[in-house]
Protein backbone atom coordinates (compact mmCIF):
# COMPACT_ATOMS: atom_id res chain seq x y z
CA MET A 1 140.62 32.66 132.06
CA LYS A 2 141.71 31.32 128.66
CA MET A 3 140.34 31.32 125.14
CA ILE A 4 141.05 28.09 123.28
CA VAL A 5 140.89 28.41 119.50
CA ALA A 6 140.89 24.98 117.84
CA ILE A 7 140.91 24.55 114.06
CA VAL A 8 139.78 21.07 113.06
CA GLN A 9 138.90 19.27 109.86
CA ASP A 10 135.18 19.22 109.05
CA LYS A 11 135.14 15.41 109.36
CA ASP A 12 136.00 15.75 113.07
CA SER A 13 133.72 18.71 113.76
CA ASN A 14 130.50 16.94 114.78
CA ARG A 15 132.31 14.38 116.93
CA LEU A 16 134.25 17.12 118.73
CA SER A 17 131.15 19.27 119.19
CA GLY A 18 129.27 16.37 120.79
CA ALA A 19 132.21 15.51 123.05
CA LEU A 20 132.53 19.12 124.24
CA VAL A 21 128.81 19.26 125.08
CA LYS A 22 129.03 15.91 126.89
CA ALA A 23 131.96 17.26 128.96
CA ASN A 24 129.95 20.44 129.76
CA PHE A 25 132.14 22.84 127.75
CA ARG A 26 130.42 25.55 125.74
CA ALA A 27 131.89 26.43 122.35
CA THR A 28 131.23 28.67 119.39
CA LYS A 29 131.70 27.04 115.97
CA LEU A 30 132.80 29.01 112.92
CA ALA A 31 133.12 27.74 109.36
CA SER A 32 136.64 28.29 108.02
CA THR A 33 138.81 27.25 105.10
CA GLY A 34 142.36 25.91 105.20
CA GLY A 35 144.96 27.66 103.10
CA PHE A 36 147.05 24.66 102.02
CA LEU A 37 144.37 22.28 100.74
CA ARG A 38 141.60 24.88 100.51
CA ALA A 39 139.40 22.37 102.32
CA GLY A 40 136.64 23.09 104.78
CA ASN A 41 137.58 23.42 108.44
CA THR A 42 135.70 24.29 111.58
CA THR A 43 137.12 26.73 114.12
CA PHE A 44 135.99 26.28 117.72
CA MET A 45 136.28 29.10 120.24
CA ILE A 46 136.07 27.84 123.82
CA GLY A 47 136.33 30.06 126.89
CA VAL A 48 137.39 28.25 130.09
CA ASP A 49 138.98 28.84 133.47
CA ASP A 50 142.74 28.24 133.64
CA ASP A 51 142.34 24.92 135.46
CA GLN A 52 140.05 23.53 132.70
CA VAL A 53 142.49 23.97 129.80
CA GLY A 54 143.97 20.48 130.17
CA ALA A 55 140.55 18.83 130.15
CA VAL A 56 139.49 20.68 126.98
CA LEU A 57 142.77 19.79 125.25
CA ASN A 58 142.18 16.12 126.12
CA VAL A 59 138.69 16.26 124.58
CA ILE A 60 140.14 17.80 121.41
CA ARG A 61 143.03 15.32 121.30
CA ASN A 62 140.69 12.33 121.69
CA ASN A 63 138.25 13.44 118.97
CA CYS A 64 140.41 14.93 116.20
CA LYS A 65 142.45 12.31 114.39
CA VAL A 66 145.21 12.67 111.81
CA ARG A 67 144.56 10.69 108.61
CA ASP A 68 146.27 10.28 105.23
CA GLN A 69 144.58 11.64 102.11
CA LEU A 70 145.49 11.64 98.42
CA VAL A 71 145.51 15.15 96.95
CA THR A 72 146.04 16.19 93.33
CA PRO A 73 148.21 19.34 93.14
CA VAL A 74 146.75 22.36 91.36
CA THR A 75 147.97 23.29 87.89
CA PRO A 76 150.80 25.86 87.95
CA LEU A 77 149.69 29.37 87.02
CA SER A 78 152.79 30.28 85.03
CA GLY A 79 154.60 28.46 82.26
CA THR A 80 153.31 25.81 79.95
CA THR A 81 151.06 23.08 81.17
CA ASP A 82 151.86 20.77 78.24
CA SER A 83 154.43 18.80 80.21
CA TYR A 84 152.73 19.13 83.62
CA MET A 85 151.27 15.81 84.77
CA PRO A 86 149.62 16.21 88.17
CA LEU A 87 150.08 13.05 90.20
CA PRO A 88 148.22 12.54 93.46
CA VAL A 89 150.32 13.13 96.55
CA GLU A 90 149.61 11.60 99.95
CA VAL A 91 149.42 14.19 102.75
CA GLN A 92 148.39 14.07 106.39
CA VAL A 93 145.17 15.92 107.20
CA GLY A 94 143.02 16.21 110.27
CA GLY A 95 144.10 16.51 113.83
CA ALA A 96 143.77 19.96 115.32
CA THR A 97 145.68 23.22 115.45
CA VAL A 98 145.09 24.75 118.86
CA PHE A 99 145.90 28.16 120.31
CA VAL A 100 145.49 28.92 124.01
CA LEU A 101 145.19 32.65 124.61
CA PRO A 102 144.91 34.65 127.84
CA VAL A 103 141.61 36.48 128.33
CA GLU A 104 141.68 39.67 130.34
CA ARG A 105 137.93 40.11 130.55
CA PHE A 106 134.82 38.12 129.73
CA GLU A 107 131.21 39.31 129.69
CA GLN A 108 128.07 37.53 128.58
CA PHE A 109 124.86 39.43 127.83
């Protein structure tokens, strides 16, 4: 048995949730926050048998897309801000960060 932990951008959350239900995979959704952009994420925890891991990864891959986004850097905390001109920077966001972990025991009450 495996535990799949998938961290996805909020924009992909509803689409992924619907696709997992349609494919008969049960998941627990948790609200989370990314450290780099401090943007909202959703963390999915999905418990599956070993032979179902590939199918779940395909569902995640097909529903979580990478996209470009303009982000304005935060003001530096130290030094003077008189000469600091924050210009938007284009970064890639979205997609999914996925961890597949072994599960020794599973119980449902």
